[in-house]
Amino acid sequence: MIDPPVLPGELMSLRQRVRLVVVLGSLIAIGPLTIDMYLPALPSITDDLGTTSTAVQLTLTGTLAGLALGQLVIGPLADALGRRRPLLAGLALHVVASVLCVVAPSIAVLGTLRVVQGLGVAATSVVAMAVVRDLFSGSAFARLFSRLMLVMGLAPILAPTLGSAVLEATNWRGVFVVLAGFGVLLTLTALLALRETLPPERRRRGGMADTVRTYGELARDRVFVGMVLVAGFAMAALFAYVAGSSFVFQDQYGLDERQFGIAFGAGAVGLITATQLNVRLLRRWTPQRVLVGALTLGTAAGALLIVFAATGFGGLATLLAALWLVLFSGGLAMPNSAAVAMTRHGEAAGTAAALLGAVQFGTGAVAAPLVGVLGNDGLAMATVVAGGMVASTLALVLVARPHRMTDPELTPAAIPEPAVA
């Protein structure tokens, strides 16, 4: 067996790795903040702009659609131009769109600007994942990515609470003022603290033809496609929860904005707990085995979620418990599916990350309005969440096929664990 190549990340000191996690985690965090921070304001936006809850939810869909489309464009650019320039351009676009959201006069304008916000923020997730792949692969990628999710996972916890605090001081437009300020701060962070990780000799110079050819190569890799679908459907379950939780918790169960922030944050804790447990699990098992166990748990929890939502058994407490388990399983599934997918295509990390992210946010964009279409209640949310987990499991079994997912870099002992505290 040929030993895996030594990548630059293996030579980094503890301090350098901690700094990398903090910087990349902060950059990725702008995505969840952009998506989640205005969730407590959805009912007030509905009233202020004289529209419907379904129409307001479509602004969330617009953001996810922008994230999906933006990644398909930025990924190849990151492989051709390096990581920093597309990142800085995306952050600048996000800041401009956030400022314009502050003065949006109608739901149509707000929805359009939210698409532009998504296009801009797409750069952060693509570039961050490509940088990690430039430096790590295999199980080391999964472990580092799990640590990264600890940092970026704080965003979904803090976002609704921060949004609620902003709403106490001002109205929903103030949320976008804060997002614009955060975008400016991250632009300065990227300029000062993130070095280029893709040297000129490794950049792809084939233009559009090379981009199309690379996407074609990725699409012909059955395991890669399976992992992309696994991650995408798991993300669909997550965003069905994001889209429906505000209306379910506040309208159906009577929580106020502050209580909603706490309940929503509890779910994010499940996601974060899983990502950190994943680091320990990968000391003994491969990402493939952890992924199988995670999706088995997620499917079972999804079934319980539907039962509790349909019968009302146990009220909000049992609903939250089942949701916690689903999000916990998603926290295990997402870094491991990404590790299997990205390890196979390190030569085109930006494009591979773009396709992975585009499918994730694209399925999220489809799942989010489904909750509204089905009724915006607990059962509607549970149905879409559980459906996402079932679809993710089917993609693993029928498309990726676990017995095909073998790679010498995806073993517990392949690369020592990054020593990130």
Protein backbone atom coordinates (compact mmCIF):
# COMPACT_ATOMS: atom_id res chain seq x y z
CA MET A 1 0.00 0.00 0.00
CA ILE A 2 1.31 3.45 -0.92
CA ASP A 3 1.46 5.83 2.03
CA PRO A 4 -0.66 8.99 1.70
CA PRO A 5 1.35 12.08 0.68
CA VAL A 6 2.40 14.51 3.37
CA LEU A 7 0.33 17.70 3.09
CA PRO A 8 1.25 21.17 4.42
CA GLY A 9 -1.25 20.97 7.27
CA GLU A 10 0.66 18.13 8.87
CA LEU A 11 3.66 20.44 9.33
CA MET A 12 1.68 23.20 11.04
CA SER A 13 2.22 23.94 14.71
CA LEU A 14 -0.59 23.79 17.27
CA ARG A 15 -0.79 27.58 17.32
CA GLN A 16 -1.06 27.74 13.52
CA ARG A 17 -3.83 25.16 13.47
CA VAL A 18 -5.81 26.93 16.17
CA ARG A 19 -5.47 30.18 14.24
CA LEU A 20 -6.60 28.43 11.05
CA VAL A 21 -9.69 27.01 12.73
CA VAL A 22 -10.65 30.37 14.20
CA VAL A 23 -10.14 32.31 10.96
CA LEU A 24 -11.90 29.81 8.69
CA GLY A 25 -14.64 29.18 11.22
CA SER A 26 -15.31 32.91 11.48
CA LEU A 27 -15.50 33.20 7.70
CA ILE A 28 -17.92 30.30 7.36
CA ALA A 29 -19.99 31.65 10.26
CA ILE A 30 -21.24 34.54 8.14
CA GLY A 31 -23.32 32.03 6.19
CA PRO A 32 -25.35 30.74 9.16
CA LEU A 33 -25.57 34.28 10.53
CA THR A 34 -26.97 35.55 7.23
CA ILE A 35 -29.48 32.72 7.16
CA ASP A 36 -30.49 32.50 10.82
CA MET A 37 -30.11 35.92 12.39
CA TYR A 38 -33.36 37.28 10.98
CA LEU A 39 -35.44 34.19 11.86
CA PRO A 40 -37.04 35.78 14.97
CA ALA A 41 -38.08 38.67 12.74
CA LEU A 42 -39.98 36.59 10.16
CA PRO A 43 -43.41 37.24 11.72
CA SER A 44 -42.68 40.98 12.04
CA ILE A 45 -41.42 41.17 8.45
CA THR A 46 -44.67 39.53 7.38
CA ASP A 47 -46.68 42.26 9.13
CA ASP A 48 -44.45 45.19 8.20
CA LEU A 49 -44.32 44.42 4.48
CA GLY A 50 -47.95 43.29 4.31
CA THR A 51 -47.22 39.84 2.94
CA THR A 52 -47.68 36.17 3.83
CA SER A 53 -45.56 33.81 5.91
CA THR A 54 -44.92 31.67 2.83
CA ALA A 55 -43.65 34.70 0.90
CA VAL A 56 -41.33 35.64 3.76
CA GLN A 57 -39.99 32.08 3.87
CA LEU A 58 -39.14 32.45 0.19
CA THR A 59 -36.59 35.11 1.16
CA LEU A 60 -34.81 32.32 3.02
CA THR A 61 -35.10 30.17 -0.09
CA GLY A 62 -33.59 33.02 -2.10
CA THR A 63 -30.56 33.16 0.16
CA LEU A 64 -30.03 29.41 -0.14
CA ALA A 65 -30.46 29.56 -3.92
CA GLY A 66 -27.86 32.34 -4.09
CA LEU A 67 -25.50 30.26 -1.98
CA ALA A 68 -25.96 27.28 -4.31
CA LEU A 69 -25.50 29.18 -7.57
CA GLY A 70 -22.66 31.32 -6.24
CA GLN A 71 -20.62 28.30 -5.25
CA LEU A 72 -20.79 26.83 -8.76
CA VAL A 73 -19.23 30.02 -10.09
CA ILE A 74 -16.75 30.74 -7.30
CA GLY A 75 -15.40 27.18 -7.02
CA PRO A 76 -13.73 27.11 -10.46
CA LEU A 77 -12.55 30.71 -9.95
CA ALA A 78 -10.89 29.67 -6.69
CA ASP A 79 -9.07 26.88 -8.55
CA ALA A 80 -7.97 29.29 -11.29
CA LEU A 81 -7.23 32.52 -9.38
CA GLY A 82 -6.32 31.24 -5.94
CA ARG A 83 -8.37 31.35 -2.75
CA ARG A 84 -8.07 34.96 -1.56
CA ARG A 85 -9.35 37.02 -4.49
CA PRO A 86 -12.73 35.26 -4.92
CA LEU A 87 -13.17 35.33 -1.14
CA LEU A 88 -12.64 39.09 -0.89
CA ALA A 89 -14.93 39.79 -3.85
CA GLY A 90 -17.70 37.66 -2.33
CA LEU A 91 -17.45 39.39 1.03
CA ALA A 92 -17.67 42.81 -0.63
CA LEU A 93 -20.82 41.75 -2.51
CA HIS A 94 -22.37 40.50 0.73
CA VAL A 95 -21.73 43.82 2.48
CA VAL A 96 -23.34 45.82 -0.34
CA ALA A 97 -26.40 43.55 -0.43
CA SER A 98 -26.80 43.74 3.36
CA VAL A 99 -26.78 47.54 3.27
CA LEU A 100 -29.44 47.57 0.56
CA CYS A 101 -31.60 45.12 2.56
CA VAL A 102 -31.84 47.80 5.25
CA VAL A 103 -33.87 50.01 2.90
CA ALA A 104 -35.81 47.30 1.04
CA PRO A 105 -39.35 48.68 0.41
CA SER A 106 -41.13 45.41 -0.42
CA ILE A 107 -40.92 41.67 -0.03
CA ALA A 108 -39.95 41.32 -3.72
CA VAL A 109 -36.98 43.64 -3.32
CA LEU A 110 -35.95 42.00 -0.05
CA GLY A 111 -36.14 38.56 -1.65
CA THR A 112 -33.97 39.68 -4.57
CA LEU A 113 -31.36 41.20 -2.28
CA ARG A 114 -31.31 38.05 -0.19
CA VAL A 115 -30.35 36.13 -3.34
CA VAL A 116 -27.47 38.57 -3.85
CA GLN A 117 -26.45 38.13 -0.21
CA GLY A 118 -26.30 34.39 -0.81
CA LEU A 119 -24.20 34.85 -3.95
CA GLY A 120 -21.68 36.86 -1.97
CA VAL A 121 -21.47 34.68 1.08
CA ALA A 122 -21.04 31.56 -1.11
CA ALA A 123 -17.37 32.49 -1.43
CA THR A 124 -16.71 31.95 2.26
CA SER A 125 -17.87 28.33 2.40
CA VAL A 126 -16.21 27.31 -0.88
CA VAL A 127 -12.89 28.93 -0.08
CA ALA A 128 -12.81 27.68 3.51
CA MET A 129 -13.38 24.07 2.47
CA ALA A 130 -10.87 24.37 -0.37
CA VAL A 131 -8.25 25.78 2.02
CA VAL A 132 -8.79 22.86 4.41
CA ARG A 133 -8.38 20.43 1.48
CA ASP A 134 -5.22 22.25 0.36
CA LEU A 135 -3.74 21.51 3.76
CA PHE A 136 -5.35 18.19 4.85
CA SER A 137 -7.07 15.11 3.42
CA GLY A 138 -8.82 11.94 4.51
CA SER A 139 -9.51 11.41 8.19
CA ALA A 140 -7.35 14.43 9.00
CA PHE A 141 -9.68 16.54 6.85
CA ALA A 142 -12.71 15.16 8.71
CA ARG A 143 -11.13 15.84 12.10
CA LEU A 144 -10.05 19.37 11.21
CA PHE A 145 -13.43 20.06 9.62
CA SER A 146 -15.15 18.83 12.79
CA ARG A 147 -13.07 21.30 14.81
CA LEU A 148 -13.97 23.97 12.31
CA MET A 149 -17.66 23.21 12.81
CA LEU A 150 -17.23 23.87 16.53
CA VAL A 151 -16.35 27.48 15.73
CA MET A 152 -18.87 28.00 12.96
CA GLY A 153 -21.50 26.06 14.91
CA LEU A 154 -21.69 28.86 17.44
CA ALA A 155 -23.28 31.02 14.74
CA PRO A 156 -26.64 29.18 14.62
CA ILE A 157 -26.80 29.32 18.42
CA LEU A 158 -25.97 32.99 18.66
CA ALA A 159 -27.75 34.20 15.52
CA PRO A 160 -31.41 34.02 16.66
CA THR A 161 -30.47 35.29 20.11
CA LEU A 162 -28.51 38.15 18.58
CA GLY A 163 -31.40 38.79 16.21
CA SER A 164 -33.80 38.92 19.15
CA ALA A 165 -31.53 41.40 20.93
CA VAL A 166 -31.41 43.60 17.84
CA LEU A 167 -35.20 43.46 17.59
CA GLU A 168 -35.51 44.69 21.17
CA ALA A 169 -33.47 47.78 20.25
CA THR A 170 -34.76 48.41 16.75
CA ASN A 171 -36.77 46.66 14.01
CA TRP A 172 -35.95 43.89 11.54
CA ARG A 173 -33.94 46.26 9.33
CA GLY A 174 -31.38 46.61 12.10
CA VAL A 175 -30.51 42.93 11.64
CA PHE A 176 -29.08 43.72 8.21
CA VAL A 177 -27.08 46.64 9.61
CA VAL A 178 -25.36 44.18 11.94
CA LEU A 179 -24.76 41.73 9.07
CA ALA A 180 -23.14 44.48 6.99
CA GLY A 181 -20.84 45.37 9.89
CA PHE A 182 -19.87 41.73 10.37
CA GLY A 183 -19.08 41.47 6.66
CA VAL A 184 -16.73 44.43 6.88
CA LEU A 185 -14.98 42.88 9.90
CA LEU A 186 -14.52 39.57 8.09
CA THR A 187 -13.13 41.31 5.02
CA LEU A 188 -10.41 42.84 7.19
CA THR A 189 -9.80 39.43 8.81
CA ALA A 190 -9.34 37.77 5.43
CA LEU A 191 -6.97 40.50 4.27
CA LEU A 192 -4.77 40.30 7.36
CA ALA A 193 -4.95 36.72 8.62
CA LEU A 194 -5.52 34.35 5.68
CA ARG A 195 -2.62 33.48 3.45
CA GLU A 196 -2.94 32.03 -0.04
CA THR A 197 -2.86 28.20 0.09
CA LEU A 198 -3.01 27.46 -3.65
CA PRO A 199 0.36 28.24 -5.29
CA PRO A 200 0.34 29.43 -8.92
CA GLU A 201 1.77 26.16 -10.24
CA ARG A 202 -1.27 24.23 -8.94
CA ARG A 203 -3.89 26.54 -10.41
CA ARG A 204 -6.09 25.40 -13.27
CA ARG A 205 -5.79 27.55 -16.39
CA GLY A 206 -8.10 25.81 -18.85
CA GLY A 207 -10.90 28.38 -18.70
CA MET A 208 -14.53 27.42 -19.29
CA ALA A 209 -13.65 24.21 -21.11
CA ASP A 210 -11.61 23.00 -18.15
CA THR A 211 -14.41 23.94 -15.76
CA VAL A 212 -16.97 21.93 -17.73
CA ARG A 213 -14.57 19.01 -18.01
CA THR A 214 -13.88 19.06 -14.27
CA TYR A 215 -17.57 19.10 -13.40
CA GLY A 216 -18.03 16.19 -15.79
CA GLU A 217 -15.28 14.20 -14.07
CA LEU A 218 -16.86 14.83 -10.69
CA ALA A 219 -20.29 13.78 -11.97
CA ARG A 220 -18.88 10.47 -13.22
CA ASP A 221 -17.45 9.58 -9.81
CA ARG A 222 -20.25 7.55 -8.26
CA VAL A 223 -18.91 7.70 -4.71
CA PHE A 224 -18.41 11.47 -4.95
CA VAL A 225 -21.94 11.96 -6.30
CA GLY A 226 -23.31 9.74 -3.54
CA MET A 227 -21.51 11.73 -0.85
CA VAL A 228 -22.74 14.99 -2.36
CA LEU A 229 -26.32 13.69 -2.23
CA VAL A 230 -25.86 12.45 1.33
CA ALA A 231 -24.65 15.87 2.43
CA GLY A 232 -27.32 17.62 0.38
CA PHE A 233 -30.28 15.73 1.81
CA ALA A 234 -28.88 16.05 5.34
CA MET A 235 -28.69 19.80 4.74
CA ALA A 236 -32.28 19.74 3.45
CA ALA A 237 -33.37 18.30 6.79
CA LEU A 238 -31.43 21.02 8.60
CA PHE A 239 -32.96 23.87 6.59
CA ALA A 240 -36.47 22.49 6.88
CA TYR A 241 -35.91 22.90 10.62
CA VAL A 242 -34.47 26.39 10.12
CA ALA A 243 -37.37 27.51 7.90
CA GLY A 244 -40.16 26.07 10.01
CA SER A 245 -38.91 26.48 13.55
CA SER A 246 -39.78 30.16 13.94
CA PHE A 247 -43.43 29.62 13.04
CA VAL A 248 -43.76 26.26 14.83
CA PHE A 249 -42.16 27.37 18.09
CA GLN A 250 -43.67 30.87 18.20
CA ASP A 251 -47.08 30.47 16.55
CA GLN A 252 -47.94 26.87 17.39
CA TYR A 253 -46.28 26.53 20.80
CA GLY A 254 -46.47 30.19 21.90
CA LEU A 255 -42.79 30.92 22.56
CA ASP A 256 -41.69 34.56 22.50
CA GLU A 257 -38.66 35.74 20.53
CA ARG A 258 -36.21 35.19 23.40
CA GLN A 259 -37.57 31.71 24.18
CA PHE A 260 -37.37 30.86 20.49
CA GLY A 261 -33.70 31.80 20.46
CA ILE A 262 -33.06 29.42 23.35
CA ALA A 263 -35.02 26.55 21.78
CA PHE A 264 -33.34 27.05 18.44
CA GLY A 265 -29.94 27.19 20.08
CA ALA A 266 -30.58 23.87 21.82
CA GLY A 267 -30.78 22.22 18.42
CA ALA A 268 -27.51 23.81 17.36
CA VAL A 269 -25.91 22.39 20.51
CA GLY A 270 -26.81 18.92 19.24
CA LEU A 271 -25.07 19.66 15.96
CA ILE A 272 -21.94 20.97 17.67
CA THR A 273 -21.81 18.11 20.19
CA ALA A 274 -21.82 15.62 17.33
CA THR A 275 -19.02 17.34 15.43
CA GLN A 276 -16.75 17.23 18.47
CA LEU A 277 -17.65 13.63 19.27
CA ASN A 278 -16.76 12.88 15.66
CA VAL A 279 -13.11 13.76 16.34
CA ARG A 280 -12.95 11.02 18.94
CA LEU A 281 -14.88 8.50 16.85
CA LEU A 282 -12.43 8.94 13.98
CA ARG A 283 -9.62 7.71 16.20
CA ARG A 284 -11.19 4.25 16.02
CA TRP A 285 -13.38 4.15 12.93
CA THR A 286 -13.24 5.39 9.37
CA PRO A 287 -15.46 8.28 8.19
CA GLN A 288 -17.46 5.73 6.18
CA ARG A 289 -18.43 3.68 9.25
CA VAL A 290 -19.29 6.75 11.30
CA LEU A 291 -21.44 7.97 8.42
CA VAL A 292 -23.43 4.73 8.29
CA GLY A 293 -24.13 4.89 12.02
CA ALA A 294 -25.06 8.58 11.88
CA LEU A 295 -27.63 8.13 9.12
CA THR A 296 -29.14 5.10 10.82
CA LEU A 297 -29.65 7.21 13.94
CA GLY A 298 -30.97 10.16 11.91
CA THR A 299 -33.55 8.07 10.09
CA ALA A 300 -34.83 6.54 13.33
CA ALA A 301 -35.00 9.97 14.99
CA GLY A 302 -36.86 11.35 11.99
CA ALA A 303 -39.50 8.64 12.34
CA LEU A 304 -39.94 9.51 16.03
CA LEU A 305 -40.20 13.19 15.11
CA ILE A 306 -43.15 12.51 12.81
CA VAL A 307 -44.89 10.42 15.48
CA PHE A 308 -44.49 13.12 18.14
CA ALA A 309 -45.58 15.90 15.78
CA ALA A 310 -48.63 13.98 14.55
CA THR A 311 -49.86 12.81 17.96
CA GLY A 312 -48.74 15.72 20.14
CA PHE A 313 -47.34 13.17 22.59
CA GLY A 314 -45.16 14.91 25.17
CA GLY A 315 -45.74 18.35 23.67
CA LEU A 316 -42.82 20.59 22.77
CA ALA A 317 -40.34 18.63 24.93
CA THR A 318 -40.48 15.41 22.89
CA LEU A 319 -40.49 17.36 19.63
CA LEU A 320 -37.30 19.14 20.68
CA ALA A 321 -35.70 15.88 21.80
CA ALA A 322 -36.33 14.20 18.44
CA LEU A 323 -35.10 17.28 16.60
CA TRP A 324 -31.97 17.26 18.75
CA LEU A 325 -31.22 13.69 17.68
CA VAL A 326 -31.74 14.51 14.02
CA LEU A 327 -29.38 17.48 14.24
CA PHE A 328 -26.90 15.35 16.20
CA SER A 329 -26.85 12.79 13.40
CA GLY A 330 -26.43 15.60 10.86
CA GLY A 331 -23.42 16.85 12.81
CA LEU A 332 -21.81 13.44 12.32
CA ALA A 333 -22.89 12.99 8.71
CA MET A 334 -21.80 16.29 7.20
CA PRO A 335 -18.05 16.36 8.03
CA ASN A 336 -17.61 12.69 7.15
CA SER A 337 -19.47 12.85 3.84
CA ALA A 338 -17.40 15.94 2.98
CA ALA A 339 -14.18 14.13 3.90
CA VAL A 340 -14.94 11.15 1.68
CA ALA A 341 -15.95 13.41 -1.21
CA MET A 342 -13.12 15.95 -1.00
CA THR A 343 -10.34 13.42 -0.43
CA ARG A 344 -11.07 11.93 -3.86
CA HIS A 345 -10.51 15.22 -5.72
CA GLY A 346 -7.76 17.27 -4.10
CA GLU A 347 -6.54 18.42 -7.52
CA ALA A 348 -9.78 20.38 -8.00
CA ALA A 349 -10.67 21.21 -4.41
CA GLY A 350 -12.42 24.49 -5.21
CA THR A 351 -14.65 22.98 -7.88
CA ALA A 352 -15.39 19.90 -5.77
CA ALA A 353 -16.25 22.08 -2.77
CA ALA A 354 -18.45 24.21 -5.02
CA LEU A 355 -20.47 21.25 -6.26
CA LEU A 356 -20.77 19.85 -2.75
CA GLY A 357 -21.92 23.18 -1.36
CA ALA A 358 -24.22 23.95 -4.28
CA VAL A 359 -26.13 20.70 -3.85
CA GLN A 360 -26.32 21.23 -0.09
CA PHE A 361 -27.78 24.70 -0.32
CA GLY A 362 -29.80 23.86 -3.43
CA THR A 363 -31.63 21.07 -1.64
CA GLY A 364 -31.99 23.39 1.34
CA ALA A 365 -33.59 25.98 -0.94
CA VAL A 366 -36.12 23.40 -2.10
CA ALA A 367 -36.82 22.02 1.38
CA ALA A 368 -37.35 25.38 3.11
CA PRO A 369 -40.58 26.42 1.30
CA LEU A 370 -41.96 22.89 1.46
CA VAL A 371 -42.59 23.41 5.16
CA GLY A 372 -44.75 26.42 4.35
CA VAL A 373 -46.55 24.63 1.52
CA LEU A 374 -47.42 21.73 3.83
CA GLY A 375 -48.85 24.02 6.50
CA ASN A 376 -46.06 25.62 8.54
CA ASP A 377 -46.88 23.51 11.59
CA GLY A 378 -45.01 20.89 13.56
CA LEU A 379 -46.11 18.00 11.36
CA ALA A 380 -45.12 19.84 8.17
CA MET A 381 -41.66 20.57 9.55
CA ALA A 382 -41.26 17.01 10.86
CA THR A 383 -42.26 15.51 7.52
CA VAL A 384 -39.66 17.45 5.54
CA VAL A 385 -36.94 16.96 8.18
CA ALA A 386 -37.54 13.19 8.33
CA GLY A 387 -37.78 13.00 4.55
CA GLY A 388 -34.35 14.59 4.23
CA MET A 389 -32.78 12.01 6.54
CA VAL A 390 -34.45 9.10 4.73
CA ALA A 391 -33.29 10.44 1.35
CA SER A 392 -29.76 10.88 2.70
CA THR A 393 -29.69 7.26 3.86
CA LEU A 394 -30.99 6.03 0.50
CA ALA A 395 -28.29 8.04 -1.31
CA LEU A 396 -25.63 6.36 0.83
CA VAL A 397 -26.95 2.85 0.26
CA LEU A 398 -28.05 3.06 -3.38
CA VAL A 399 -25.62 5.55 -4.92
CA ALA A 400 -22.39 5.69 -2.92
CA ARG A 401 -22.61 2.07 -1.69
CA PRO A 402 -20.53 1.88 1.49
CA HIS A 403 -18.44 -1.08 0.29
CA ARG A 404 -17.10 1.10 -2.57
CA MET A 405 -15.86 3.87 -0.27
CA THR A 406 -12.30 2.66 0.28
CA ASP A 407 -9.28 4.97 0.35
CA PRO A 408 -5.92 4.62 2.15
CA GLU A 409 -6.23 8.22 3.37
CA LEU A 410 -9.56 7.45 5.08
CA THR A 411 -8.25 5.26 7.86
CA PRO A 412 -8.04 6.15 11.56
CA ALA A 413 -4.26 5.79 11.57
CA ALA A 414 -3.55 7.39 8.19
CA ILE A 415 -2.62 10.82 9.57
CA PRO A 416 -2.22 11.81 13.22
CA GLU A 417 -5.03 13.90 14.65
CA PRO A 418 -4.54 17.65 14.33
CA ALA A 419 -3.70 18.85 17.81
CA VAL A 420 -6.32 21.58 17.99
CA ALA A 421 -7.48 22.34 21.49
